[in-house]
Amino acid sequence: MKSAYELAMERLSKSDPSTSRPLTAKQRARLADIDKVFQAKVAERDIFLKQRLEQAYASQKAEEVDKIKKEISSERARLDEEREAEKERVRSGGT
């Protein structure tokens, strides 16, 4: 007996034909490359912003600390969105 979740997922996959199309080896390789590139971008931004955060802690600037923490969070979210958009282009057949 299938759960409601499994039934919903079956209906969803039937209504969206692009989800049932398998990825080519080239697409899978491109998706892996995209992940690597964006992991590097996230790491680069983290290093830069965490250095600024440490400086703000050292100088005891509470407002600056909060601002940098928010910036770290928003940068990660922005990069995640960019990565997913790029991956969706690859999945839909674009380059």
N, C-alpha and C. Protein backbone atom coordinates (compact mmCIF):
# COMPACT_ATOMS: atom_id res chain seq x y z
N MET A 1 0.85 -1.17 0.00
CA MET A 1 0.00 0.00 0.00
C MET A 1 0.90 1.24 0.00
N LYS A 2 0.59 2.19 -0.89
CA LYS A 2 1.41 3.39 -1.04
C LYS A 2 0.92 4.49 -0.11
N SER A 3 1.87 5.29 0.34
CA SER A 3 1.52 6.43 1.19
C SER A 3 0.99 7.57 0.32
N ALA A 4 0.38 8.53 0.96
CA ALA A 4 -0.14 9.69 0.24
C ALA A 4 1.00 10.43 -0.45
N TYR A 5 2.16 10.47 0.18
CA TYR A 5 3.32 11.13 -0.42
C TYR A 5 3.72 10.43 -1.72
N GLU A 6 3.81 9.12 -1.69
CA GLU A 6 4.20 8.36 -2.89
C GLU A 6 3.19 8.56 -4.02
N LEU A 7 1.91 8.57 -3.68
CA LEU A 7 0.88 8.80 -4.70
C LEU A 7 0.98 10.19 -5.29
N ALA A 8 1.23 11.17 -4.43
CA ALA A 8 1.37 12.56 -4.91
C ALA A 8 2.59 12.68 -5.82
N MET A 9 3.69 12.04 -5.46
CA MET A 9 4.89 12.10 -6.29
C MET A 9 4.66 11.43 -7.65
N GLU A 10 3.91 10.35 -7.68
CA GLU A 10 3.58 9.70 -8.96
C GLU A 10 2.77 10.63 -9.84
N ARG A 11 1.77 11.29 -9.26
CA ARG A 11 0.95 12.22 -10.04
C ARG A 11 1.79 13.38 -10.55
N LEU A 12 2.67 13.87 -9.71
CA LEU A 12 3.53 14.98 -10.10
C LEU A 12 4.44 14.57 -11.25
N SER A 13 5.03 13.39 -11.18
CA SER A 13 5.93 12.97 -12.25
C SER A 13 5.18 12.73 -13.55
N LYS A 14 3.92 12.34 -13.47
CA LYS A 14 3.13 12.16 -14.68
C LYS A 14 2.77 13.51 -15.31
N SER A 15 2.55 14.52 -14.46
CA SER A 15 2.16 15.83 -14.98
C SER A 15 3.33 16.65 -15.48
N ASP A 16 4.56 16.28 -15.10
CA ASP A 16 5.75 17.01 -15.52
C ASP A 16 6.67 16.07 -16.29
N PRO A 17 6.56 16.06 -17.60
CA PRO A 17 7.35 15.11 -18.39
C PRO A 17 8.85 15.33 -18.32
N SER A 18 9.29 16.52 -17.97
CA SER A 18 10.73 16.78 -17.93
C SER A 18 11.41 16.03 -16.79
N THR A 19 10.65 15.66 -15.75
CA THR A 19 11.26 14.95 -14.63
C THR A 19 11.55 13.50 -14.95
N SER A 20 10.84 12.95 -15.91
CA SER A 20 11.04 11.53 -16.24
C SER A 20 12.14 11.33 -17.27
N ARG A 21 12.59 12.39 -17.90
CA ARG A 21 13.63 12.27 -18.92
C ARG A 21 14.99 12.11 -18.24
N PRO A 22 15.70 11.02 -18.56
CA PRO A 22 17.00 10.81 -17.91
C PRO A 22 18.05 11.81 -18.41
N LEU A 23 19.00 12.11 -17.56
CA LEU A 23 20.08 13.02 -17.92
C LEU A 23 21.15 12.28 -18.70
N THR A 24 21.76 12.98 -19.62
CA THR A 24 22.87 12.39 -20.37
C THR A 24 24.13 12.45 -19.51
N ALA A 25 25.14 11.71 -19.93
CA ALA A 25 26.41 11.73 -19.21
C ALA A 25 27.02 13.13 -19.23
N LYS A 26 26.86 13.82 -20.36
CA LYS A 26 27.38 15.19 -20.48
C LYS A 26 26.67 16.12 -19.50
N GLN A 27 25.35 15.97 -19.36
CA GLN A 27 24.60 16.81 -18.43
C GLN A 27 25.01 16.52 -16.99
N ARG A 28 25.17 15.25 -16.65
CA ARG A 28 25.60 14.90 -15.29
C ARG A 28 26.97 15.47 -14.98
N ALA A 29 27.87 15.41 -15.95
CA ALA A 29 29.21 15.97 -15.76
C ALA A 29 29.13 17.48 -15.58
N ARG A 30 28.29 18.13 -16.37
CA ARG A 30 28.13 19.59 -16.27
C ARG A 30 27.53 19.96 -14.91
N LEU A 31 26.56 19.19 -14.42
CA LEU A 31 25.97 19.45 -13.11
C LEU A 31 27.02 19.31 -12.00
N ALA A 32 27.88 18.32 -12.12
CA ALA A 32 28.95 18.14 -11.14
C ALA A 32 29.92 19.32 -11.18
N ASP A 33 30.24 19.78 -12.39
CA ASP A 33 31.11 20.95 -12.53
C ASP A 33 30.50 22.19 -11.90
N ILE A 34 29.21 22.37 -12.11
CA ILE A 34 28.51 23.51 -11.53
C ILE A 34 28.59 23.46 -10.01
N ASP A 35 28.38 22.27 -9.43
CA ASP A 35 28.48 22.14 -7.98
C ASP A 35 29.87 22.51 -7.48
N LYS A 36 30.90 22.04 -8.18
CA LYS A 36 32.28 22.34 -7.77
C LYS A 36 32.55 23.84 -7.83
N VAL A 37 32.13 24.48 -8.90
CA VAL A 37 32.37 25.92 -9.06
C VAL A 37 31.68 26.71 -7.96
N PHE A 38 30.42 26.35 -7.68
CA PHE A 38 29.69 27.11 -6.68
C PHE A 38 30.16 26.79 -5.26
N GLN A 39 30.65 25.58 -5.02
CA GLN A 39 31.24 25.28 -3.72
C GLN A 39 32.47 26.16 -3.50
N ALA A 40 33.24 26.35 -4.54
CA ALA A 40 34.43 27.21 -4.45
C ALA A 40 34.02 28.67 -4.20
N LYS A 41 32.98 29.12 -4.90
CA LYS A 41 32.51 30.49 -4.70
C LYS A 41 32.02 30.71 -3.27
N VAL A 42 31.28 29.74 -2.74
CA VAL A 42 30.78 29.84 -1.37
C VAL A 42 31.95 29.87 -0.40
N ALA A 43 32.92 29.00 -0.60
CA ALA A 43 34.09 28.96 0.29
C ALA A 43 34.85 30.28 0.25
N GLU A 44 35.02 30.83 -0.95
CA GLU A 44 35.73 32.11 -1.09
C GLU A 44 35.02 33.22 -0.33
N ARG A 45 33.70 33.30 -0.50
CA ARG A 45 32.94 34.35 0.19
C ARG A 45 32.94 34.13 1.70
N ASP A 46 32.86 32.86 2.12
CA ASP A 46 32.90 32.56 3.56
C ASP A 46 34.21 33.02 4.17
N ILE A 47 35.30 32.71 3.52
CA ILE A 47 36.61 33.10 4.04
C ILE A 47 36.69 34.62 4.17
N PHE A 48 36.31 35.33 3.12
CA PHE A 48 36.37 36.79 3.14
C PHE A 48 35.48 37.37 4.24
N LEU A 49 34.24 36.89 4.29
CA LEU A 49 33.30 37.47 5.25
C LEU A 49 33.62 37.07 6.69
N LYS A 50 34.14 35.87 6.89
CA LYS A 50 34.51 35.46 8.24
C LYS A 50 35.71 36.24 8.76
N GLN A 51 36.61 36.63 7.86
CA GLN A 51 37.71 37.50 8.27
C GLN A 51 37.16 38.84 8.74
N ARG A 52 36.22 39.39 7.98
CA ARG A 52 35.60 40.65 8.39
C ARG A 52 34.85 40.49 9.70
N LEU A 53 34.22 39.34 9.89
CA LEU A 53 33.48 39.06 11.11
C LEU A 53 34.42 39.01 12.32
N GLU A 54 35.55 38.35 12.15
CA GLU A 54 36.54 38.28 13.23
C GLU A 54 37.06 39.67 13.59
N GLN A 55 37.28 40.51 12.57
CA GLN A 55 37.73 41.87 12.83
C GLN A 55 36.67 42.67 13.59
N ALA A 56 35.41 42.46 13.22
CA ALA A 56 34.33 43.17 13.91
C ALA A 56 34.20 42.69 15.36
N TYR A 57 34.37 41.38 15.58
CA TYR A 57 34.36 40.88 16.96
C TYR A 57 35.52 41.48 17.76
N ALA A 58 36.70 41.52 17.14
CA ALA A 58 37.88 42.04 17.83
C ALA A 58 37.71 43.51 18.22
N SER A 59 37.06 44.26 17.35
CA SER A 59 36.86 45.67 17.66
C SER A 59 35.56 45.92 18.43
N GLN A 60 34.86 44.84 18.76
CA GLN A 60 33.63 44.88 19.56
C GLN A 60 32.55 45.78 18.96
N LYS A 61 32.35 45.63 17.67
CA LYS A 61 31.32 46.39 16.98
C LYS A 61 30.12 45.48 16.74
N ALA A 62 29.16 45.52 17.65
CA ALA A 62 28.01 44.63 17.61
C ALA A 62 27.17 44.83 16.35
N GLU A 63 26.97 46.08 15.95
CA GLU A 63 26.16 46.35 14.75
C GLU A 63 26.83 45.77 13.50
N GLU A 64 28.15 45.93 13.44
CA GLU A 64 28.91 45.40 12.30
C GLU A 64 28.85 43.88 12.27
N VAL A 65 28.92 43.25 13.44
CA VAL A 65 28.84 41.79 13.54
C VAL A 65 27.50 41.31 12.99
N ASP A 66 26.41 41.94 13.42
CA ASP A 66 25.08 41.56 12.93
C ASP A 66 24.97 41.75 11.42
N LYS A 67 25.50 42.86 10.94
CA LYS A 67 25.45 43.16 9.51
C LYS A 67 26.20 42.09 8.71
N ILE A 68 27.36 41.70 9.18
CA ILE A 68 28.17 40.71 8.46
C ILE A 68 27.51 39.33 8.52
N LYS A 69 26.91 38.98 9.65
CA LYS A 69 26.20 37.70 9.75
C LYS A 69 25.06 37.63 8.74
N LYS A 70 24.33 38.73 8.61
CA LYS A 70 23.24 38.78 7.63
C LYS A 70 23.78 38.69 6.21
N GLU A 71 24.91 39.33 5.98
CA GLU A 71 25.54 39.30 4.66
C GLU A 71 25.99 37.89 4.31
N ILE A 72 26.55 37.17 5.28
CA ILE A 72 26.97 35.78 5.05
C ILE A 72 25.76 34.94 4.63
N SER A 73 24.68 35.10 5.37
CA SER A 73 23.47 34.34 5.08
C SER A 73 22.90 34.68 3.70
N SER A 74 22.84 35.95 3.37
CA SER A 74 22.28 36.36 2.08
C SER A 74 23.18 35.95 0.91
N GLU A 75 24.50 35.99 1.12
CA GLU A 75 25.42 35.56 0.06
C GLU A 75 25.26 34.07 -0.23
N ARG A 76 25.14 33.27 0.82
CA ARG A 76 24.94 31.83 0.61
C ARG A 76 23.63 31.57 -0.13
N ALA A 77 22.58 32.26 0.27
CA ALA A 77 21.28 32.08 -0.39
C ALA A 77 21.36 32.51 -1.86
N ARG A 78 22.02 33.62 -2.12
CA ARG A 78 22.15 34.11 -3.50
C ARG A 78 22.92 33.11 -4.36
N LEU A 79 24.02 32.60 -3.81
CA LEU A 79 24.82 31.64 -4.57
C LEU A 79 24.07 30.33 -4.78
N ASP A 80 23.29 29.91 -3.79
CA ASP A 80 22.47 28.70 -3.96
C ASP A 80 21.44 28.89 -5.06
N GLU A 81 20.84 30.07 -5.10
CA GLU A 81 19.86 30.35 -6.15
C GLU A 81 20.51 30.35 -7.53
N GLU A 82 21.68 30.96 -7.62
CA GLU A 82 22.40 30.98 -8.90
C GLU A 82 22.76 29.57 -9.34
N ARG A 83 23.23 28.75 -8.38
CA ARG A 83 23.60 27.38 -8.71
C ARG A 83 22.40 26.59 -9.21
N GLU A 84 21.27 26.71 -8.52
CA GLU A 84 20.08 25.97 -8.93
C GLU A 84 19.56 26.45 -10.28
N ALA A 85 19.65 27.74 -10.55
CA ALA A 85 19.21 28.26 -11.85
C ALA A 85 20.10 27.71 -12.97
N GLU A 86 21.40 27.67 -12.71
CA GLU A 86 22.34 27.14 -13.70
C GLU A 86 22.09 25.65 -13.93
N LYS A 87 21.85 24.92 -12.86
CA LYS A 87 21.59 23.48 -12.99
C LYS A 87 20.28 23.23 -13.72
N GLU A 88 19.28 24.07 -13.48
CA GLU A 88 18.00 23.90 -14.18
C GLU A 88 18.14 24.14 -15.68
N ARG A 89 19.00 25.10 -16.05
CA ARG A 89 19.27 25.33 -17.48
C ARG A 89 19.87 24.08 -18.11
N VAL A 90 20.78 23.45 -17.40
CA VAL A 90 21.42 22.23 -17.92
C VAL A 90 20.39 21.10 -18.03
N ARG A 91 19.57 20.95 -16.99
CA ARG A 91 18.55 19.89 -17.00
C ARG A 91 17.54 20.07 -18.12
N SER A 92 17.22 21.33 -18.44
CA SER A 92 16.20 21.58 -19.46
C SER A 92 16.78 21.52 -20.88
N GLY A 93 18.06 21.22 -20.97
CA GLY A 93 18.65 21.03 -22.30
C GLY A 93 19.55 22.17 -22.73
N GLY A 94 19.63 23.23 -21.95
CA GLY A 94 20.52 24.34 -22.28
C GLY A 94 21.95 24.00 -21.90
N THR A 95 22.87 24.90 -22.16
CA THR A 95 24.28 24.64 -21.82
C THR A 95 24.73 25.40 -20.64
